[in-house]
PDB file of N, CA and C in Angstrom:
ATOM      1  N   MET A   1     -17.070 -13.113 -72.475  1.00  0.00           N
ATOM      2  CA  MET A   1     -16.136 -14.243 -72.148  1.00  0.00           C
ATOM      3  C   MET A   1     -14.995 -13.894 -72.710  1.00  0.00           C
ATOM      4  N   HIS A   2     -14.531 -12.959 -73.323  1.00  0.00           N
ATOM      5  CA  HIS A   2     -13.627 -12.646 -73.411  1.00  0.00           C
ATOM      6  C   HIS A   2     -12.936 -11.231 -72.410  1.00  0.00           C
ATOM      7  N   THR A   3     -13.554 -11.257 -71.355  1.00  0.00           N
ATOM      8  CA  THR A   3     -13.177 -10.366 -70.356  1.00  0.00           C
ATOM      9  C   THR A   3     -12.725 -11.556 -69.301  1.00  0.00           C
ATOM     10  N   MET A   4     -13.588 -12.724 -69.313  1.00  0.00           N
ATOM     11  CA  MET A   4     -12.969 -13.814 -68.537  1.00  0.00           C
ATOM     12  C   MET A   4     -11.726 -14.459 -68.781  1.00  0.00           C
ATOM     13  N   GLN A   5     -11.394 -14.483 -70.076  1.00  0.00           N
ATOM     14  CA  GLN A   5     -10.015 -14.729 -70.414  1.00  0.00           C
ATOM     15  C   GLN A   5      -8.801 -13.804 -70.241  1.00  0.00           C
ATOM     16  N   THR A   6      -9.021 -12.584 -70.155  1.00  0.00           N
ATOM     17  CA  THR A   6      -7.993 -11.486 -69.837  1.00  0.00           C
ATOM     18  C   THR A   6      -7.819 -11.520 -68.148  1.00  0.00           C
ATOM     19  N   PHE A   7      -9.294 -11.586 -67.750  1.00  0.00           N
ATOM     20  CA  PHE A   7      -8.844 -11.953 -65.923  1.00  0.00           C
ATOM     21  C   PHE A   7      -8.032 -12.800 -65.698  1.00  0.00           C
ATOM     22  N   SER A   8      -8.076 -14.384 -66.614  1.00  0.00           N
ATOM     23  CA  SER A   8      -7.584 -15.557 -66.189  1.00  0.00           C
ATOM     24  C   SER A   8      -6.190 -15.139 -66.669  1.00  0.00           C
ATOM     25  N   PHE A   9      -5.812 -14.843 -67.422  1.00  0.00           N
ATOM     26  CA  PHE A   9      -4.922 -14.244 -68.163  1.00  0.00           C
ATOM     27  C   PHE A   9      -3.992 -13.263 -67.248  1.00  0.00           C
ATOM     28  N   GLY A  10      -4.720 -12.152 -66.723  1.00  0.00           N
ATOM     29  CA  GLY A  10      -3.727 -11.373 -65.458  1.00  0.00           C
ATOM     30  C   GLY A  10      -3.540 -11.996 -64.572  1.00  0.00           C
ATOM     31  N   ARG A  11      -4.523 -13.076 -63.835  1.00  0.00           N
ATOM     32  CA  ARG A  11      -3.812 -13.516 -62.792  1.00  0.00           C
ATOM     33  C   ARG A  11      -2.731 -14.362 -63.006  1.00  0.00           C
ATOM     34  N   GLY A  12      -3.109 -15.405 -63.975  1.00  0.00           N
ATOM     35  CA  GLY A  12      -1.263 -15.947 -64.157  1.00  0.00           C
ATOM     36  C   GLY A  12      -0.108 -15.250 -64.500  1.00  0.00           C
ATOM     37  N   VAL A  13      -0.410 -13.956 -65.032  1.00  0.00           N
ATOM     38  CA  VAL A  13       0.826 -13.164 -65.216  1.00  0.00           C
ATOM     39  C   VAL A  13       1.393 -12.474 -63.322  1.00  0.00           C
ATOM     40  N   LEU A  14      -0.078 -12.328 -62.986  1.00  0.00           N
ATOM     41  CA  LEU A  14       0.540 -11.698 -61.445  1.00  0.00           C
ATOM     42  C   LEU A  14       0.985 -12.900 -60.357  1.00  0.00           C
ATOM     43  N   VAL A  15       0.700 -14.147 -60.681  1.00  0.00           N
ATOM     44  CA  VAL A  15       1.121 -15.197 -59.977  1.00  0.00           C
ATOM     45  C   VAL A  15       2.892 -15.611 -60.563  1.00  0.00           C
ATOM     46  N   ALA A  16       2.875 -15.275 -61.709  1.00  0.00           N
ATOM     47  CA  ALA A  16       4.428 -15.921 -62.428  1.00  0.00           C
ATOM     48  C   ALA A  16       5.031 -14.673 -62.025  1.00  0.00           C
ATOM     49  N   GLY A  17       4.517 -13.011 -61.806  1.00  0.00           N
ATOM     50  CA  GLY A  17       5.457 -12.051 -61.716  1.00  0.00           C
ATOM     51  C   GLY A  17       5.452 -12.337 -60.011  1.00  0.00           C
ATOM     52  N   ALA A  18       4.921 -12.794 -59.465  1.00  0.00           N
ATOM     53  CA  ALA A  18       5.089 -12.945 -57.723  1.00  0.00           C
ATOM     54  C   ALA A  18       6.088 -14.131 -57.787  1.00  0.00           C
ATOM     55  N   LEU A  19       5.848 -15.109 -58.174  1.00  0.00           N
ATOM     56  CA  LEU A  19       7.063 -16.070 -58.354  1.00  0.00           C
ATOM     57  C   LEU A  19       7.995 -15.917 -58.670  1.00  0.00           C
ATOM     58  N   ILE A  20       8.228 -15.009 -59.576  1.00  0.00           N
ATOM     59  CA  ILE A  20       9.889 -14.589 -60.066  1.00  0.00           C
ATOM     60  C   ILE A  20      10.398 -13.399 -58.518  1.00  0.00           C
ATOM     61  N   VAL A  21       9.533 -12.904 -58.476  1.00  0.00           N
ATOM     62  CA  VAL A  21      10.204 -11.964 -57.361  1.00  0.00           C
ATOM     63  C   VAL A  21      10.498 -12.342 -55.886  1.00  0.00           C
ATOM     64  N   GLY A  22       9.605 -13.433 -55.662  1.00  0.00           N
ATOM     65  CA  GLY A  22      10.000 -14.634 -54.855  1.00  0.00           C
ATOM     66  C   GLY A  22      11.124 -15.098 -54.969  1.00  0.00           C
ATOM     67  N   ILE A  23      11.251 -15.613 -56.043  1.00  0.00           N
ATOM     68  CA  ILE A  23      12.653 -16.632 -56.226  1.00  0.00           C
ATOM     69  C   ILE A  23      13.832 -15.388 -56.565  1.00  0.00           C
ATOM     70  N   ILE A  24      13.516 -14.163 -56.811  1.00  0.00           N
ATOM     71  CA  ILE A  24      15.036 -13.085 -56.764  1.00  0.00           C
ATOM     72  C   ILE A  24      15.261 -13.158 -55.054  1.00  0.00           C
ATOM     73  N   ILE A  25      14.077 -12.542 -54.685  1.00  0.00           N
ATOM     74  CA  ILE A  25      14.394 -12.348 -53.213  1.00  0.00           C
ATOM     75  C   ILE A  25      14.721 -13.468 -52.596  1.00  0.00           C
ATOM     76  N   GLY A  26      14.770 -14.639 -53.182  1.00  0.00           N
ATOM     77  CA  GLY A  26      15.150 -15.764 -52.417  1.00  0.00           C
ATOM     78  C   GLY A  26      16.461 -15.901 -52.764  1.00  0.00           C
ATOM     79  N   TYR A  27      17.172 -15.731 -53.711  1.00  0.00           N
ATOM     80  CA  TYR A  27      18.651 -15.893 -53.884  1.00  0.00           C
ATOM     81  C   TYR A  27      19.299 -14.565 -53.239  1.00  0.00           C
ATOM     82  N   VAL A  28      18.114 -13.740 -53.718  1.00  0.00           N
ATOM     83  CA  VAL A  28      19.508 -12.251 -52.817  1.00  0.00           C
ATOM     84  C   VAL A  28      19.654 -12.917 -51.545  1.00  0.00           C
ATOM     85  N   ALA A  29      18.621 -13.241 -50.521  1.00  0.00           N
ATOM     86  CA  ALA A  29      18.826 -13.321 -49.349  1.00  0.00           C
ATOM     87  C   ALA A  29      19.647 -14.587 -49.080  1.00  0.00           C
ATOM     88  N   GLY A  30      19.512 -15.548 -49.826  1.00  0.00           N
ATOM     89  CA  GLY A  30      20.542 -16.841 -50.020  1.00  0.00           C
ATOM     90  C   GLY A  30      21.774 -16.566 -49.799  1.00  0.00           C
ATOM     91  N   ASN A  31      21.876 -15.844 -50.650  1.00  0.00           N
ATOM     92  CA  ASN A  31      23.691 -15.276 -51.115  1.00  0.00           C
ATOM     93  C   ASN A  31      24.155 -14.502 -50.414  1.00  0.00           C
ATOM     94  N   SER A  32      23.571 -13.684 -49.654  1.00  0.00           N
ATOM     95  CA  SER A  32      23.777 -12.847 -48.647  1.00  0.00           C
ATOM     96  C   SER A  32      24.348 -13.562 -47.616  1.00  0.00           C
ATOM     97  N   ASN A  33      23.294 -14.606 -47.116  1.00  0.00           N
ATOM     98  CA  ASN A  33      23.865 -15.345 -46.182  1.00  0.00           C
ATOM     99  C   ASN A  33      25.000 -16.283 -46.266  1.00  0.00           C
ATOM    100  N   GLY A  34      24.871 -16.875 -47.320  1.00  0.00           N
ATOM    101  CA  GLY A  34      25.975 -17.789 -47.647  1.00  0.00           C
ATOM    102  C   GLY A  34      27.455 -16.722 -47.650  1.00  0.00           C
ATOM    103  N   TYR A  35      27.527 -15.808 -48.481  1.00  0.00           N
ATOM    104  CA  TYR A  35      28.568 -15.255 -48.370  1.00  0.00           C
ATOM    105  C   TYR A  35      29.010 -14.357 -46.945  1.00  0.00           C
ATOM    106  N   LYS A  36      28.103 -14.334 -46.056  1.00  0.00           N
ATOM    107  CA  LYS A  36      28.523 -14.048 -44.817  1.00  0.00           C
ATOM    108  C   LYS A  36      29.070 -15.229 -44.201  1.00  0.00           C
ATOM    109  N   ARG A  37      28.825 -16.447 -44.078  1.00  0.00           N
ATOM    110  CA  ARG A  37      29.029 -17.586 -43.568  1.00  0.00           C
ATOM    111  C   ARG A  37      30.308 -17.868 -44.338  1.00  0.00           C
ATOM    112  N   ALA A  38      30.811 -17.699 -45.393  1.00  0.00           N
ATOM    113  CA  ALA A  38      32.016 -17.917 -45.534  1.00  0.00           C
ATOM    114  C   ALA A  38      32.968 -17.299 -45.431  1.00  0.00           C
ATOM    115  N   GLU A  39      32.881 -15.442 -45.405  1.00  0.00           N
ATOM    116  CA  GLU A  39      33.532 -14.641 -44.756  1.00  0.00           C
ATOM    117  C   GLU A  39      34.048 -14.881 -43.942  1.00  0.00           C
ATOM    118  N   ALA A  40      33.058 -15.146 -43.128  1.00  0.00           N
ATOM    119  CA  ALA A  40      33.169 -15.688 -41.476  1.00  0.00           C
ATOM    120  C   ALA A  40      34.566 -16.688 -40.939  1.00  0.00           C
ATOM    121  N   GLU A  41      33.834 -17.575 -41.909  1.00  0.00           N
ATOM    122  CA  GLU A  41      35.184 -18.920 -42.399  1.00  0.00           C
ATOM    123  C   GLU A  41      36.438 -18.428 -42.806  1.00  0.00           C
ATOM    124  N   ARG A  42      36.177 -18.039 -43.921  1.00  0.00           N
ATOM    125  CA  ARG A  42      37.638 -17.673 -44.357  1.00  0.00           C
ATOM    126  C   ARG A  42      38.290 -16.521 -43.165  1.00  0.00           C
ATOM    127  N   THR A  43      37.597 -15.887 -42.546  1.00  0.00           N
ATOM    128  CA  THR A  43      38.869 -15.092 -41.407  1.00  0.00           C
ATOM    129  C   THR A  43      39.320 -15.721 -40.546  1.00  0.00           C
ATOM    130  N   LYS A  44      38.351 -16.930 -40.049  1.00  0.00           N
ATOM    131  CA  LYS A  44      38.814 -17.850 -39.080  1.00  0.00           C
ATOM    132  C   LYS A  44      40.053 -18.496 -39.615  1.00  0.00           C
ATOM    133  N   VAL A  45      39.990 -19.310 -40.571  1.00  0.00           N
ATOM    134  CA  VAL A  45      41.033 -19.838 -41.648  1.00  0.00           C
ATOM    135  C   VAL A  45      42.428 -18.625 -41.477  1.00  0.00           C
ATOM    136  N   GLU A  46      42.070 -17.421 -41.682  1.00  0.00           N
ATOM    137  CA  GLU A  46      43.685 -16.691 -41.867  1.00  0.00           C
ATOM    138  C   GLU A  46      44.248 -16.033 -40.796  1.00  0.00           C
ATOM    139  N   GLU A  47      42.991 -16.274 -39.588  1.00  0.00           N
ATOM    140  CA  GLU A  47      43.656 -16.033 -38.606  1.00  0.00           C
ATOM    141  C   GLU A  47      44.540 -16.937 -37.732  1.00  0.00           C
ATOM    142  N   ALA A  48      43.872 -18.556 -37.836  1.00  0.00           N
ATOM    143  CA  ALA A  48      44.664 -19.841 -37.590  1.00  0.00           C
ATOM    144  C   ALA A  48      45.674 -19.767 -38.285  1.00  0.00           C
ATOM    145  N   ALA A  49      45.690 -19.141 -39.677  1.00  0.00           N
ATOM    146  CA  ALA A  49      47.196 -19.388 -40.565  1.00  0.00           C
ATOM    147  C   ALA A  49      48.168 -18.490 -39.722  1.00  0.00           C
ATOM    148  N   VAL A  50      47.689 -16.867 -39.786  1.00  0.00           N
ATOM    149  CA  VAL A  50      48.912 -16.114 -39.000  1.00  0.00           C
ATOM    150  C   VAL A  50      49.341 -16.500 -37.759  1.00  0.00           C
ATOM    151  N   GLU A  51      48.408 -17.099 -37.004  1.00  0.00           N
ATOM    152  CA  GLU A  51      48.741 -17.668 -35.705  1.00  0.00           C
ATOM    153  C   GLU A  51      49.933 -18.578 -35.762  1.00  0.00           C
ATOM    154  N   LYS A  52      49.791 -19.610 -36.281  1.00  0.00           N
ATOM    155  CA  LYS A  52      50.517 -20.482 -36.416  1.00  0.00           C
ATOM    156  C   LYS A  52      52.226 -19.995 -37.382  1.00  0.00           C
ATOM    157  N   VAL A  53      51.925 -18.943 -38.018  1.00  0.00           N
ATOM    158  CA  VAL A  53      52.977 -18.927 -38.756  1.00  0.00           C
ATOM    159  C   VAL A  53      53.725 -17.629 -37.974  1.00  0.00           C
ATOM    160  N   ALA A  54      52.573 -16.870 -37.165  1.00  0.00           N
ATOM    161  CA  ALA A  54      53.858 -16.316 -35.988  1.00  0.00           C
ATOM    162  C   ALA A  54      54.694 -17.060 -34.762  1.00  0.00           C
ATOM    163  N   THR A  55      53.965 -18.086 -34.460  1.00  0.00           N
ATOM    164  CA  THR A  55      54.303 -19.368 -33.689  1.00  0.00           C
ATOM    165  C   THR A  55      55.805 -19.789 -34.132  1.00  0.00           C
ATOM    166  N   ASP A  56      55.668 -20.597 -35.170  1.00  0.00           N
ATOM    167  CA  ASP A  56      56.507 -21.159 -36.216  1.00  0.00           C
ATOM    168  C   ASP A  56      58.019 -20.191 -36.252  1.00  0.00           C
ATOM    169  N   ALA A  57      57.585 -18.643 -36.880  1.00  0.00           N
ATOM    170  CA  ALA A  57      58.622 -17.706 -36.807  1.00  0.00           C
ATOM    171  C   ALA A  57      59.289 -17.358 -35.684  1.00  0.00           C
ATOM    172  N   ALA A  58      58.383 -17.597 -34.502  1.00  0.00           N
ATOM    173  CA  ALA A  58      59.182 -17.423 -33.226  1.00  0.00           C
ATOM    174  C   ALA A  58      60.049 -18.242 -32.803  1.00  0.00           C
ATOM    175  N   LYS A  59      59.445 -19.606 -33.226  1.00  0.00           N
ATOM    176  CA  LYS A  59      60.352 -20.645 -32.428  1.00  0.00           C
ATOM    177  C   LYS A  59      61.910 -20.547 -33.667  1.00  0.00           C
ATOM    178  N   ALA A  60      61.530 -20.470 -34.756  1.00  0.00           N
ATOM    179  CA  ALA A  60      62.592 -20.346 -35.722  1.00  0.00           C
ATOM    180  C   ALA A  60      63.891 -19.508 -35.413  1.00  0.00           C
ATOM    181  N   ALA A  61      63.185 -18.425 -35.040  1.00  0.00           N
ATOM    182  CA  ALA A  61      64.062 -16.901 -34.984  1.00  0.00           C
ATOM    183  C   ALA A  61      64.669 -17.094 -33.256  1.00  0.00           C
ATOM    184  N   ASN A  62      64.478 -18.404 -32.035  1.00  0.00           N
ATOM    185  CA  ASN A  62      65.219 -17.892 -30.742  1.00  0.00           C
ATOM    186  C   ASN A  62      66.119 -18.903 -31.105  1.00  0.00           C
ATOM    187  N   PRO A  63      67.491 -18.366 -31.114  1.00  0.00           N
ATOM    188  CA  PRO A  63      68.438 -19.270 -30.959  1.00  0.00           C
ATOM    189  C   PRO A  63      68.749 -19.881 -29.686  1.00  0.00           C
ATOM    190  N   PHE A  64      68.082 -19.387 -28.430  1.00  0.00           N
ATOM    191  CA  PHE A  64      68.275 -19.726 -27.293  1.00  0.00           C
ATOM    192  C   PHE A  64      67.453 -20.983 -26.599  1.00  0.00           C
ATOM    193  N   GLN A  65      66.797 -21.341 -27.733  1.00  0.00           N
ATOM    194  CA  GLN A  65      65.705 -22.136 -27.382  1.00  0.00           C
ATOM    195  C   GLN A  65      66.276 -23.641 -27.298  1.00  0.00           C
ATOM    196  N   ALA A  66      67.682 -23.448 -27.129  1.00  0.00           N
ATOM    197  CA  ALA A  66      67.966 -25.100 -26.576  1.00  0.00           C
ATOM    198  C   ALA A  66      68.206 -25.894 -25.514  1.00  0.00           C
ATOM    199  N   VAL A  67      67.753 -27.234 -25.408  1.00  0.00           N
ATOM    200  CA  VAL A  67      67.476 -27.567 -24.350  1.00  0.00           C
ATOM    201  C   VAL A  67      69.046 -28.203 -23.657  1.00  0.00           C
ATOM    202  N   ASN A  68      68.893 -27.888 -22.402  1.00  0.00           N
ATOM    203  CA  ASN A  68      70.196 -27.449 -21.396  1.00  0.00           C
ATOM    204  C   ASN A  68      70.137 -29.540 -20.799  1.00  0.00           C
ATOM    205  N   PRO A  69      71.442 -30.161 -21.533  1.00  0.00           N
ATOM    206  CA  PRO A  69      71.088 -31.596 -20.658  1.00  0.00           C
ATOM    207  C   PRO A  69      71.982 -31.787 -19.391  1.00  0.00           C
ATOM    208  N   LEU A  70      72.196 -30.631 -18.827  1.00  0.00           N
ATOM    209  CA  LEU A  70      72.548 -30.943 -17.705  1.00  0.00           C
ATOM    210  C   LEU A  70      71.399 -30.493 -16.390  1.00  0.00           C
ATOM    211  N   GLU A  71      70.233 -30.315 -17.175  1.00  0.00           N
ATOM    212  CA  GLU A  71      69.013 -29.428 -15.919  1.00  0.00           C
ATOM    213  C   GLU A  71      68.680 -29.676 -15.409  1.00  0.00           C
ATOM    214  N   GLN A  72      68.940 -31.479 -15.060  1.00  0.00           N
ATOM    215  CA  GLN A  72      67.931 -31.945 -14.281  1.00  0.00           C
ATOM    216  C   GLN A  72      69.587 -32.866 -13.205  1.00  0.00           C
ATOM    217  N   VAL A  73      70.591 -32.436 -13.673  1.00  0.00           N
ATOM    218  CA  VAL A  73      71.694 -33.047 -12.650  1.00  0.00           C
ATOM    219  C   VAL A  73      71.591 -31.804 -11.914  1.00  0.00           C
ATOM    220  N   GLU A  74      71.904 -32.778 -10.138  1.00  0.00           N
ATOM    221  CA  GLU A  74      72.204 -31.576  -9.137  1.00  0.00           C
ATOM    222  C   GLU A  74      73.561 -31.814  -8.513  1.00  0.00           C
ATOM    223  N   ALA A  75      74.184 -33.065  -9.029  1.00  0.00           N
ATOM    224  CA  ALA A  75      75.559 -32.943  -8.509  1.00  0.00           C
ATOM    225  C   ALA A  75      76.588 -31.738  -8.348  1.00  0.00           C
ATOM    226  N   ASN A  76      77.183 -31.572  -7.184  1.00  0.00           N
ATOM    227  CA  ASN A  76      78.003 -30.189  -6.927  1.00  0.00           C
ATOM    228  C   ASN A  76      79.305 -30.347  -7.079  1.00  0.00           C
ATOM    229  N   PRO A  77      80.239 -30.220  -8.450  1.00  0.00           N
ATOM    230  CA  PRO A  77      81.203 -30.942  -9.060  1.00  0.00           C
ATOM    231  C   PRO A  77      82.192 -30.380  -7.799  1.00  0.00           C
ATOM    232  N   PHE A  78      82.375 -29.110  -7.196  1.00  0.00           N
ATOM    233  CA  PHE A  78      82.939 -28.393  -6.554  1.00  0.00           C
ATOM    234  C   PHE A  78      83.321 -29.203  -4.671  1.00  0.00           C
ATOM    235  N   GLU A  79      81.883 -29.534  -4.209  1.00  0.00           N
ATOM    236  CA  GLU A  79      82.127 -30.258  -2.802  1.00  0.00           C
ATOM    237  C   GLU A  79      82.999 -31.435  -3.092  1.00  0.00           C
ATOM    238  N   LYS A  80      83.560 -32.345  -3.386  1.00  0.00           N
ATOM    239  CA  LYS A  80      84.815 -33.346  -3.206  1.00  0.00           C
ATOM    240  C   LYS A  80      85.917 -32.024  -3.453  1.00  0.00           C
ATOM    241  N   ALA A  81      85.895 -31.384  -3.892  1.00  0.00           N
ATOM    242  CA  ALA A  81      87.539 -30.702  -4.075  1.00  0.00           C
ATOM    243  C   ALA A  81      87.847 -29.395  -3.150  1.00  0.00           C
ATOM    244  N   LYS A  82      86.335 -29.210  -2.588  1.00  0.00           N
ATOM    245  CA  LYS A  82      86.402 -28.572  -1.060  1.00  0.00           C
ATOM    246  C   LYS A  82      86.716 -29.342   0.077  1.00  0.00           C
ATOM    247  N   LYS A  83      86.484 -30.258  -0.173  1.00  0.00           N
ATOM    248  CA  LYS A  83      86.746 -31.134   1.188  1.00  0.00           C
ATOM    249  C   LYS A  83      87.721 -31.666   1.007  1.00  0.00           C
ATOM    250  N   VAL A  84      88.592 -31.625   0.205  1.00  0.00           N
ATOM    251  CA  VAL A  84      90.305 -32.189  -0.111  1.00  0.00           C
ATOM    252  C   VAL A  84      91.024 -30.687   0.132  1.00  0.00           C
ATOM    253  N   LEU A  85      90.462 -29.690  -0.061  1.00  0.00           N
ATOM    254  CA  LEU A  85      91.116 -28.782   0.091  1.00  0.00           C
ATOM    255  C   LEU A  85      91.244 -27.716   1.108  1.00  0.00           C
ATOM    256  N   ASN A  86      90.101 -28.241   2.043  1.00  0.00           N
ATOM    257  CA  ASN A  86      89.790 -26.745   3.448  1.00  0.00           C
ATOM    258  C   ASN A  86      89.961 -27.925   4.125  1.00  0.00           C
ATOM    259  N   PRO A  87      91.363 -27.529   4.819  1.00  0.00           N
ATOM    260  CA  PRO A  87      91.828 -28.219   6.192  1.00  0.00           C
ATOM    261  C   PRO A  87      90.923 -28.117   7.496  1.00  0.00           C
ATOM    262  N   PHE A  88      89.993 -26.991   7.308  1.00  0.00           N
ATOM    263  CA  PHE A  88      89.353 -26.843   8.526  1.00  0.00           C
ATOM    264  C   PHE A  88      88.131 -27.347   8.769  1.00  0.00           C
ATOM    265  N   GLU A  89      87.742 -28.058   7.482  1.00  0.00           N
ATOM    266  CA  GLU A  89      86.368 -29.105   7.684  1.00  0.00           C
ATOM    267  C   GLU A  89      86.368 -30.451   8.109  1.00  0.00           C
TER     268      GLU A  89
END
C-alpha cells in the first residue's frame, strides 16, 4: 500500500508540473502575441502622427498658399480701353 500512495503522489506531481508548464508556455505565447499586436498598433499610430505633422508643417511653411480672390473673374479691363484708344478698329 505504501507504493500505491507514492505512485499516486508522483502522478499528482506530474499533473501539477504539466499544468504549471502549460500555464507558463501559454503566458509566454500570449504575451508575445499581445506584444506584437501592440507594437504594430503603436507603429501605425506613430506613422499617422508623423504624416499629420508633416502635412501641417507643409501647410504652415507655404506662404504662397493664399487664395486669389480674382481667380474666377474673366473680365479684361483693357478691352474697353483698347476700343477707345485704337482708331483702326
